[in-house]
Amino acid sequence: MRRVLLAASTAALLGAGCGYRFAVADPPLPAGVPRAWAPVFVNRTLEPGVEAVFTQAFRARMHEAGALGGEAEAAQVEGEILSLSGAPTVLDPSYQLASYRLTGTVRLRLRRGGRVLSEVTVTGTEDYLPDRPLADVLLTEQARAAALTRLAETLSRDGYERLATAPVR
């Protein structure tokens, strides 16, 4: 009996640190829509090419949720990037720029048969650091591109969850 308890305790301790965890399943899309296609987002900003970053992030999120279908699906989630801006945010004690912040807003619409079933708008921010002390513009732009990808992923996650739980019109 003692060996069984020891073996069970050891297994429990090893299993607790293995990285596995129980996760809540992703919510399905509303109105009984099992899967939907996500066409390329519409870019309403002056920033060229961001529609590719946001579309890729949203399709990846839908794929993770098991809700991404093909182009022939009856339903689709249309995305619009309504705004994207960046600004310096923090100065250090010597009055040098310490960080930048990207702010973006995305609208998602779930449509089936031309009818809007659900619509949400999400806004988020992502900070990034300028290259210091060299002030290399290429490294700063690389940091900005990484922040843009993180922002697209965050807005895609939040947008999908809100879209999936939004009331049907």
Protein backbone atom coordinates (compact mmCIF):
# COMPACT_ATOMS: atom_id res chain seq x y z
CA MET A 1 0.00 0.00 0.00
CA ARG A 2 2.82 2.33 0.91
CA ARG A 3 4.49 1.75 -2.49
CA VAL A 4 1.25 2.58 -4.29
CA LEU A 5 0.92 5.86 -2.38
CA LEU A 6 4.54 6.71 -3.07
CA ALA A 7 4.15 5.96 -6.77
CA ALA A 8 0.93 7.99 -6.98
CA SER A 9 2.51 10.93 -5.13
CA THR A 10 5.58 10.88 -7.37
CA ALA A 11 3.44 10.76 -10.50
CA ALA A 12 1.33 13.67 -9.25
CA LEU A 13 4.40 15.78 -8.48
CA LEU A 14 6.02 15.02 -11.83
CA GLY A 15 2.78 15.65 -13.70
CA ALA A 16 2.23 18.98 -11.99
CA GLY A 17 5.45 20.41 -13.42
CA CYS A 18 5.22 19.01 -16.94
CA GLY A 19 3.51 22.01 -18.54
CA TYR A 20 0.23 20.26 -19.30
CA ARG A 21 -2.90 21.99 -18.16
CA PHE A 22 -6.59 21.86 -18.71
CA ALA A 23 -7.86 24.56 -21.01
CA VAL A 24 -11.33 25.82 -21.72
CA ALA A 25 -12.43 25.01 -25.26
CA ASP A 26 -12.74 27.92 -27.65
CA PRO A 27 -16.30 29.14 -28.07
CA PRO A 28 -17.92 28.34 -31.43
CA LEU A 29 -19.09 31.07 -33.74
CA PRO A 30 -22.66 32.25 -33.03
CA ALA A 31 -25.86 31.42 -34.91
CA GLY A 32 -24.85 27.79 -35.43
CA VAL A 33 -22.02 28.69 -37.82
CA PRO A 34 -19.51 25.83 -37.54
CA ARG A 35 -16.83 27.34 -39.80
CA ALA A 36 -16.29 30.53 -41.75
CA TRP A 37 -13.86 31.90 -44.29
CA ALA A 38 -11.80 34.99 -43.46
CA PRO A 39 -11.04 37.01 -46.60
CA VAL A 40 -8.18 39.51 -46.62
CA PHE A 41 -8.89 42.35 -44.19
CA VAL A 42 -9.76 45.78 -45.57
CA ASN A 43 -7.10 48.33 -44.66
CA ARG A 44 -8.63 51.72 -43.83
CA THR A 45 -5.30 53.09 -42.57
CA LEU A 46 -2.50 54.88 -44.39
CA GLU A 47 -0.08 52.08 -43.46
CA PRO A 48 0.56 49.84 -46.48
CA GLY A 49 0.57 46.07 -46.05
CA VAL A 50 -0.86 45.75 -42.55
CA GLU A 51 -3.89 43.89 -43.90
CA ALA A 52 -1.63 40.87 -44.54
CA VAL A 53 -0.38 40.83 -40.93
CA PHE A 54 -3.89 41.13 -39.46
CA THR A 55 -5.46 38.60 -41.88
CA GLN A 56 -2.75 36.05 -41.14
CA ALA A 57 -3.15 36.51 -37.37
CA PHE A 58 -6.94 36.21 -37.52
CA ARG A 59 -6.88 33.13 -39.77
CA ALA A 60 -4.41 31.50 -37.37
CA ARG A 61 -6.75 32.27 -34.45
CA MET A 62 -9.74 30.81 -36.28
CA HIS A 63 -7.69 27.72 -37.18
CA GLU A 64 -6.76 27.24 -33.50
CA ALA A 65 -10.46 27.46 -32.61
CA GLY A 66 -11.40 24.96 -35.33
CA ALA A 67 -13.58 27.57 -37.01
CA LEU A 68 -11.58 28.34 -40.17
CA GLY A 69 -13.20 27.06 -43.32
CA GLY A 70 -12.40 27.48 -46.99
CA GLU A 71 -13.45 30.11 -49.50
CA ALA A 72 -16.59 28.10 -50.36
CA GLU A 73 -18.05 28.41 -46.84
CA ALA A 74 -21.52 29.96 -46.58
CA ALA A 75 -20.33 32.23 -43.77
CA GLN A 76 -17.40 34.58 -43.62
CA VAL A 77 -15.79 36.89 -41.11
CA GLU A 78 -14.90 40.20 -42.71
CA GLY A 79 -12.22 42.25 -41.02
CA GLU A 80 -11.46 45.95 -41.30
CA ILE A 81 -8.45 47.68 -39.83
CA LEU A 82 -10.03 50.99 -38.85
CA SER A 83 -7.01 52.69 -37.33
CA LEU A 84 -3.37 52.16 -36.60
CA SER A 85 -1.16 54.78 -35.01
CA GLY A 86 2.13 54.99 -33.19
CA ALA A 87 3.52 57.53 -30.77
CA PRO A 88 6.35 57.92 -28.30
CA THR A 89 5.15 57.12 -24.81
CA VAL A 90 7.85 57.39 -22.19
CA LEU A 91 10.90 59.55 -21.64
CA ASP A 92 13.64 58.38 -19.32
CA PRO A 93 15.14 60.68 -16.63
CA SER A 94 17.59 62.12 -19.18
CA TYR A 95 14.64 63.01 -21.48
CA GLN A 96 15.51 60.39 -24.09
CA LEU A 97 12.79 58.35 -25.71
CA ALA A 98 12.31 55.11 -23.77
CA SER A 99 9.43 53.46 -25.67
CA TYR A 100 6.84 53.70 -28.45
CA ARG A 101 3.24 52.52 -28.45
CA LEU A 102 1.18 51.17 -31.36
CA THR A 103 -2.59 51.49 -31.07
CA GLY A 104 -4.96 49.69 -33.41
CA THR A 105 -8.68 49.21 -33.91
CA VAL A 106 -10.26 46.35 -35.88
CA ARG A 107 -13.90 45.65 -36.77
CA LEU A 108 -15.05 42.06 -37.39
CA ARG A 109 -18.35 41.10 -39.02
CA LEU A 110 -19.73 37.58 -39.24
CA ARG A 111 -21.90 37.30 -42.37
CA ARG A 112 -23.95 34.47 -43.82
CA GLY A 113 -25.93 34.88 -47.02
CA GLY A 114 -25.25 38.62 -47.10
CA ARG A 115 -26.78 39.11 -43.64
CA VAL A 116 -24.65 40.41 -40.77
CA LEU A 117 -25.07 37.97 -37.88
CA SER A 118 -22.67 39.59 -35.45
CA GLU A 119 -20.29 42.54 -35.34
CA VAL A 120 -17.61 43.62 -32.86
CA THR A 121 -14.93 46.29 -32.69
CA VAL A 122 -11.74 45.77 -30.68
CA THR A 123 -8.96 48.17 -29.78
CA GLY A 124 -5.58 47.42 -28.29
CA THR A 125 -2.06 48.68 -27.76
CA GLU A 126 1.42 47.22 -27.93
CA ASP A 127 4.65 48.84 -26.76
CA TYR A 128 8.12 48.49 -28.24
CA LEU A 129 11.55 49.87 -27.52
CA PRO A 130 13.69 52.02 -29.80
CA ASP A 131 17.22 50.86 -30.49
CA ARG A 132 19.53 52.46 -27.96
CA PRO A 133 22.24 53.60 -27.58
CA LEU A 134 23.06 53.27 -31.30
CA ALA A 135 19.72 54.61 -32.60
CA ASP A 136 19.79 52.16 -35.52
CA VAL A 137 16.60 52.85 -37.46
CA LEU A 138 16.54 49.32 -38.92
CA LEU A 139 16.55 47.74 -35.47
CA THR A 140 13.82 50.12 -34.31
CA GLU A 141 11.72 49.21 -37.37
CA GLN A 142 12.29 45.53 -36.64
CA ALA A 143 11.00 46.08 -33.11
CA ARG A 144 7.99 47.94 -34.53
CA ALA A 145 7.22 45.07 -36.93
CA ALA A 146 7.34 42.59 -34.04
CA ALA A 147 5.02 44.84 -32.01
CA LEU A 148 2.62 45.05 -34.97
CA THR A 149 2.51 41.25 -35.16
CA ARG A 150 1.83 41.00 -31.41
CA LEU A 151 -0.91 43.64 -31.71
CA ALA A 152 -2.53 41.75 -34.60
CA GLU A 153 -2.45 38.51 -32.58
CA THR A 154 -3.93 40.18 -29.50
CA LEU A 155 -6.72 41.88 -31.45
CA SER A 156 -7.43 38.62 -33.32
CA ARG A 157 -7.72 36.67 -30.07
CA ASP A 158 -9.89 39.30 -28.38
CA GLY A 159 -11.96 39.88 -31.51
CA TYR A 160 -12.66 36.19 -32.07
CA GLU A 161 -13.70 35.65 -28.46
CA ARG A 162 -15.99 38.68 -28.50
CA LEU A 163 -17.42 37.73 -31.90
CA ALA A 164 -18.10 34.17 -30.73
CA THR A 165 -19.94 35.38 -27.64
CA ALA A 166 -21.71 38.39 -29.17
CA PRO A 167 -25.48 38.34 -29.48
CA VAL A 168 -26.86 37.48 -32.90
CA ARG A 169 -28.61 40.33 -34.67
